[in-house]
Amino acid sequence: MQQKICPVGPEHSDDQDRDYAVAAGVELVNALRKLGVDLEGIAVSAPCDRCSSVGYVLDLGPVEPAHALKMAATINEYADESHRLREQAPASPKRKRKRRAKNLNATL
């Protein structure tokens, strides 16, 4: 007796682990672009049988040493500025809570 073969839909080739890795890569690229750092060659690589990694990984692509130093300097500038701003920010004063009247018709 022959088994009935049903057609498949787009979900047949869904790979949630890969989709997760792609989404993570997109988040990383967009966050770095906010800092003026662009990773043009970023890609997602499938799990490797010989590697210690058990899932998809993000490859940063071909980054020349000079470009890596420039990206690091840009990120460090933002990090240093953020640190300075946190040190300069005054401690937030505690707010006094206003007492609410129990009866809305009551006067304070």
N, C-alpha and C. Protein backbone atom coordinates (compact mmCIF):
# COMPACT_ATOMS: atom_id res chain seq x y z
N MET A 1 0.84 -1.18 0.00
CA MET A 1 0.00 0.00 0.00
C MET A 1 0.88 1.24 0.00
N GLN A 2 0.59 2.13 -0.90
CA GLN A 2 1.42 3.32 -1.05
C GLN A 2 0.94 4.43 -0.11
N GLN A 3 1.88 5.12 0.53
CA GLN A 3 1.55 6.20 1.46
C GLN A 3 1.25 7.47 0.67
N LYS A 4 0.22 8.20 1.10
CA LYS A 4 -0.17 9.45 0.43
C LYS A 4 0.87 10.52 0.74
N ILE A 5 1.36 11.18 -0.29
CA ILE A 5 2.35 12.24 -0.13
C ILE A 5 1.63 13.59 -0.23
N CYS A 6 1.76 14.37 0.83
CA CYS A 6 1.11 15.69 0.87
C CYS A 6 2.09 16.77 0.41
N PRO A 7 1.58 17.82 -0.21
CA PRO A 7 2.45 18.92 -0.61
C PRO A 7 2.97 19.67 0.63
N VAL A 8 4.10 20.33 0.47
CA VAL A 8 4.68 21.10 1.57
C VAL A 8 4.51 22.59 1.28
N GLY A 9 4.57 23.36 2.32
CA GLY A 9 4.49 24.81 2.20
C GLY A 9 5.83 25.45 2.50
N PRO A 10 5.86 26.78 2.57
CA PRO A 10 7.13 27.48 2.84
C PRO A 10 7.77 27.08 4.15
N GLU A 11 6.95 26.66 5.12
CA GLU A 11 7.49 26.28 6.43
C GLU A 11 8.36 25.03 6.36
N HIS A 12 8.27 24.30 5.23
CA HIS A 12 9.07 23.08 5.07
C HIS A 12 10.56 23.37 5.19
N SER A 13 10.97 24.53 4.75
CA SER A 13 12.40 24.86 4.80
C SER A 13 12.71 25.88 5.88
N ASP A 14 11.76 26.11 6.81
CA ASP A 14 12.02 27.04 7.90
C ASP A 14 13.18 26.55 8.75
N ASP A 15 14.01 27.47 9.13
CA ASP A 15 15.13 27.16 10.00
C ASP A 15 15.17 28.24 11.06
N GLN A 16 14.52 27.99 12.18
CA GLN A 16 14.40 29.00 13.22
C GLN A 16 15.75 29.41 13.79
N ASP A 17 16.68 28.48 13.87
CA ASP A 17 18.01 28.83 14.39
C ASP A 17 18.70 29.82 13.46
N ARG A 18 18.60 29.60 12.17
CA ARG A 18 19.21 30.51 11.19
C ARG A 18 18.49 31.85 11.23
N ASP A 19 17.17 31.83 11.29
CA ASP A 19 16.40 33.08 11.37
C ASP A 19 16.80 33.89 12.59
N TYR A 20 17.01 33.20 13.71
CA TYR A 20 17.45 33.86 14.95
C TYR A 20 18.83 34.50 14.75
N ALA A 21 19.73 33.77 14.12
CA ALA A 21 21.08 34.29 13.88
C ALA A 21 21.04 35.51 12.95
N VAL A 22 20.20 35.45 11.92
CA VAL A 22 20.07 36.58 11.00
C VAL A 22 19.51 37.79 11.75
N ALA A 23 18.49 37.59 12.57
CA ALA A 23 17.91 38.69 13.34
C ALA A 23 18.94 39.30 14.29
N ALA A 24 19.75 38.45 14.91
CA ALA A 24 20.80 38.95 15.81
C ALA A 24 21.82 39.76 15.04
N GLY A 25 22.19 39.30 13.85
CA GLY A 25 23.13 40.03 13.01
C GLY A 25 22.59 41.38 12.60
N VAL A 26 21.32 41.43 12.25
CA VAL A 26 20.68 42.70 11.87
C VAL A 26 20.72 43.67 13.04
N GLU A 27 20.39 43.19 14.23
CA GLU A 27 20.43 44.04 15.43
C GLU A 27 21.83 44.59 15.67
N LEU A 28 22.83 43.72 15.53
CA LEU A 28 24.22 44.14 15.74
C LEU A 28 24.64 45.20 14.72
N VAL A 29 24.35 44.95 13.46
CA VAL A 29 24.73 45.91 12.41
C VAL A 29 24.06 47.25 12.66
N ASN A 30 22.76 47.24 12.96
CA ASN A 30 22.04 48.51 13.18
C ASN A 30 22.55 49.25 14.41
N ALA A 31 22.86 48.52 15.48
CA ALA A 31 23.40 49.17 16.68
C ALA A 31 24.76 49.80 16.40
N LEU A 32 25.60 49.08 15.67
CA LEU A 32 26.93 49.62 15.35
C LEU A 32 26.83 50.80 14.39
N ARG A 33 25.87 50.78 13.48
CA ARG A 33 25.71 51.91 12.55
C ARG A 33 25.31 53.18 13.30
N LYS A 34 24.57 53.03 14.39
CA LYS A 34 24.23 54.20 15.21
C LYS A 34 25.49 54.85 15.77
N LEU A 35 26.54 54.06 15.92
CA LEU A 35 27.81 54.57 16.43
C LEU A 35 28.77 54.95 15.31
N GLY A 36 28.32 54.85 14.07
CA GLY A 36 29.18 55.20 12.95
C GLY A 36 30.11 54.08 12.52
N VAL A 37 29.79 52.85 12.91
CA VAL A 37 30.61 51.69 12.56
C VAL A 37 29.79 50.82 11.62
N ASP A 38 30.38 50.46 10.47
CA ASP A 38 29.66 49.68 9.49
C ASP A 38 30.38 48.36 9.23
N LEU A 39 29.64 47.28 9.42
CA LEU A 39 30.16 45.94 9.12
C LEU A 39 29.49 45.48 7.83
N GLU A 40 30.14 45.74 6.73
CA GLU A 40 29.53 45.44 5.43
C GLU A 40 29.54 43.96 5.11
N GLY A 41 30.51 43.23 5.59
CA GLY A 41 30.66 41.84 5.19
C GLY A 41 30.09 40.84 6.15
N ILE A 42 29.24 41.27 7.09
CA ILE A 42 28.71 40.34 8.09
C ILE A 42 27.82 39.31 7.41
N ALA A 43 27.92 38.06 7.86
CA ALA A 43 27.14 36.97 7.28
C ALA A 43 26.85 35.93 8.34
N VAL A 44 25.92 35.05 8.04
CA VAL A 44 25.57 33.95 8.93
C VAL A 44 26.15 32.67 8.34
N SER A 45 26.87 31.93 9.16
CA SER A 45 27.44 30.65 8.72
C SER A 45 26.76 29.50 9.43
N ALA A 46 26.55 28.44 8.68
CA ALA A 46 25.91 27.23 9.22
C ALA A 46 26.82 26.57 10.25
N PRO A 47 26.23 25.77 11.12
CA PRO A 47 27.05 25.05 12.10
C PRO A 47 28.11 24.19 11.42
N CYS A 48 29.23 24.11 12.07
CA CYS A 48 30.37 23.36 11.53
C CYS A 48 30.53 22.07 12.32
N ASP A 49 30.70 20.96 11.62
CA ASP A 49 30.87 19.67 12.29
C ASP A 49 32.19 19.59 13.06
N ARG A 50 33.20 20.30 12.61
CA ARG A 50 34.53 20.24 13.23
C ARG A 50 34.76 21.33 14.26
N CYS A 51 33.85 22.30 14.35
CA CYS A 51 34.03 23.43 15.26
C CYS A 51 33.40 23.15 16.61
N SER A 52 33.79 23.93 17.59
CA SER A 52 33.22 23.76 18.92
C SER A 52 31.85 24.43 19.02
N SER A 53 31.53 25.30 18.07
CA SER A 53 30.23 25.97 18.06
C SER A 53 29.15 24.97 17.72
N VAL A 54 28.03 25.07 18.41
CA VAL A 54 26.96 24.12 18.17
C VAL A 54 25.84 24.68 17.30
N GLY A 55 25.93 25.93 16.91
CA GLY A 55 24.87 26.53 16.11
C GLY A 55 25.41 27.48 15.07
N TYR A 56 24.50 28.23 14.49
CA TYR A 56 24.89 29.23 13.51
C TYR A 56 25.74 30.30 14.18
N VAL A 57 26.66 30.87 13.42
CA VAL A 57 27.52 31.92 13.94
C VAL A 57 27.48 33.11 12.99
N LEU A 58 27.81 34.27 13.53
CA LEU A 58 27.93 35.48 12.72
C LEU A 58 29.39 35.66 12.36
N ASP A 59 29.65 35.76 11.08
CA ASP A 59 31.00 36.07 10.60
C ASP A 59 31.05 37.56 10.32
N LEU A 60 32.07 38.21 10.86
CA LEU A 60 32.17 39.66 10.68
C LEU A 60 32.64 40.05 9.29
N GLY A 61 33.09 39.08 8.54
CA GLY A 61 33.52 39.37 7.18
C GLY A 61 34.97 39.82 7.16
N PRO A 62 35.44 40.16 5.98
CA PRO A 62 36.83 40.59 5.87
C PRO A 62 37.02 41.99 6.45
N VAL A 63 37.69 42.05 7.58
CA VAL A 63 37.96 43.33 8.23
C VAL A 63 39.47 43.51 8.28
N GLU A 64 39.94 44.52 7.57
CA GLU A 64 41.38 44.79 7.58
C GLU A 64 41.77 45.38 8.92
N PRO A 65 42.99 45.13 9.37
CA PRO A 65 43.42 45.63 10.67
C PRO A 65 43.22 47.14 10.83
N ALA A 66 43.51 47.92 9.81
CA ALA A 66 43.34 49.37 9.92
C ALA A 66 41.87 49.73 10.12
N HIS A 67 40.99 49.03 9.43
CA HIS A 67 39.56 49.28 9.59
C HIS A 67 39.09 48.85 10.97
N ALA A 68 39.61 47.74 11.47
CA ALA A 68 39.27 47.28 12.82
C ALA A 68 39.69 48.31 13.87
N LEU A 69 40.87 48.89 13.70
CA LEU A 69 41.34 49.92 14.64
C LEU A 69 40.46 51.16 14.58
N LYS A 70 40.03 51.53 13.39
CA LYS A 70 39.16 52.70 13.23
C LYS A 70 37.80 52.45 13.89
N MET A 71 37.24 51.25 13.68
CA MET A 71 35.96 50.91 14.31
C MET A 71 36.10 50.90 15.83
N ALA A 72 37.19 50.32 16.33
CA ALA A 72 37.41 50.27 17.78
C ALA A 72 37.53 51.68 18.35
N ALA A 73 38.23 52.57 17.66
CA ALA A 73 38.37 53.94 18.13
C ALA A 73 37.02 54.65 18.19
N THR A 74 36.20 54.44 17.18
CA THR A 74 34.87 55.06 17.15
C THR A 74 34.01 54.56 18.30
N ILE A 75 34.01 53.26 18.53
CA ILE A 75 33.22 52.68 19.62
C ILE A 75 33.75 53.18 20.96
N ASN A 76 35.07 53.23 21.12
CA ASN A 76 35.66 53.71 22.37
C ASN A 76 35.32 55.17 22.64
N GLU A 77 35.27 56.00 21.60
CA GLU A 77 34.89 57.41 21.78
C GLU A 77 33.49 57.51 22.36
N TYR A 78 32.55 56.75 21.79
CA TYR A 78 31.18 56.76 22.30
C TYR A 78 31.12 56.22 23.72
N ALA A 79 31.86 55.18 24.00
CA ALA A 79 31.86 54.60 25.34
C ALA A 79 32.44 55.59 26.35
N ASP A 80 33.51 56.27 26.00
CA ASP A 80 34.11 57.26 26.89
C ASP A 80 33.16 58.43 27.15
N GLU A 81 32.48 58.89 26.10
CA GLU A 81 31.53 60.00 26.24
C GLU A 81 30.36 59.58 27.12
N SER A 82 29.88 58.39 26.93
CA SER A 82 28.78 57.87 27.75
C SER A 82 29.20 57.80 29.21
N HIS A 83 30.42 57.35 29.45
CA HIS A 83 30.93 57.26 30.82
C HIS A 83 31.03 58.65 31.45
N ARG A 84 31.53 59.62 30.69
CA ARG A 84 31.64 61.00 31.20
C ARG A 84 30.26 61.56 31.53
N LEU A 85 29.29 61.33 30.68
CA LEU A 85 27.94 61.84 30.91
C LEU A 85 27.33 61.22 32.17
N ARG A 86 27.57 59.94 32.38
CA ARG A 86 27.04 59.30 33.59
C ARG A 86 27.69 59.86 34.84
N GLU A 87 28.97 60.17 34.77
CA GLU A 87 29.67 60.74 35.94
C GLU A 87 29.20 62.16 36.24
N GLN A 88 28.88 62.91 35.19
CA GLN A 88 28.46 64.31 35.36
C GLN A 88 27.00 64.46 35.74
N ALA A 89 26.21 63.47 35.49
CA ALA A 89 24.77 63.56 35.76
C ALA A 89 24.54 63.68 37.26
N PRO A 90 23.77 64.71 37.66
CA PRO A 90 23.48 64.85 39.09
C PRO A 90 22.58 63.72 39.55
N ALA A 91 22.74 63.39 40.81
CA ALA A 91 21.89 62.35 41.37
C ALA A 91 20.45 62.84 41.33
N SER A 92 19.56 62.01 40.91
CA SER A 92 18.16 62.44 40.81
C SER A 92 17.58 62.60 42.20
N PRO A 93 17.03 63.79 42.47
CA PRO A 93 16.45 64.01 43.80
C PRO A 93 15.18 63.18 43.97
N LYS A 94 14.95 62.79 45.20
CA LYS A 94 13.74 62.01 45.47
C LYS A 94 12.54 62.94 45.41
N ARG A 95 11.54 62.48 44.74
CA ARG A 95 10.32 63.28 44.62
C ARG A 95 9.48 63.13 45.88
N LYS A 96 8.86 64.24 46.24
CA LYS A 96 7.92 64.17 47.34
C LYS A 96 6.59 63.76 46.76
N ARG A 97 5.97 62.83 47.39
CA ARG A 97 4.67 62.37 46.91
C ARG A 97 3.60 63.29 47.44
N LYS A 98 2.75 63.70 46.56
CA LYS A 98 1.62 64.53 46.96
C LYS A 98 0.56 63.62 47.55
N ARG A 99 0.01 64.07 48.64
CA ARG A 99 -1.05 63.29 49.25
C ARG A 99 -2.35 63.58 48.51
N ARG A 100 -3.03 62.55 48.20
CA ARG A 100 -4.30 62.69 47.52
C ARG A 100 -5.41 62.70 48.56
N ALA A 101 -6.37 63.52 48.30
CA ALA A 101 -7.52 63.56 49.20
C ALA A 101 -8.31 62.27 49.05
N LYS A 102 -8.74 61.74 50.17
CA LYS A 102 -9.51 60.51 50.12
C LYS A 102 -10.88 60.75 49.49
N ASN A 103 -11.40 61.91 49.76
CA ASN A 103 -12.69 62.26 49.22
C ASN A 103 -12.45 63.33 48.16
N LEU A 104 -12.89 63.09 46.95
CA LEU A 104 -12.63 64.04 45.88
C LEU A 104 -13.25 65.40 46.14
N ASN A 105 -14.26 65.46 46.95
CA ASN A 105 -14.91 66.74 47.28
C ASN A 105 -14.19 67.47 48.41
N ALA A 106 -13.27 66.81 49.05
CA ALA A 106 -12.57 67.42 50.17
C ALA A 106 -11.56 68.42 49.65
N THR A 107 -11.29 69.43 50.41
CA THR A 107 -10.28 70.42 50.04
C THR A 107 -9.01 70.15 50.80
N LEU A 108 -7.92 70.54 50.21
CA LEU A 108 -6.63 70.32 50.87
C LEU A 108 -6.21 71.49 51.66
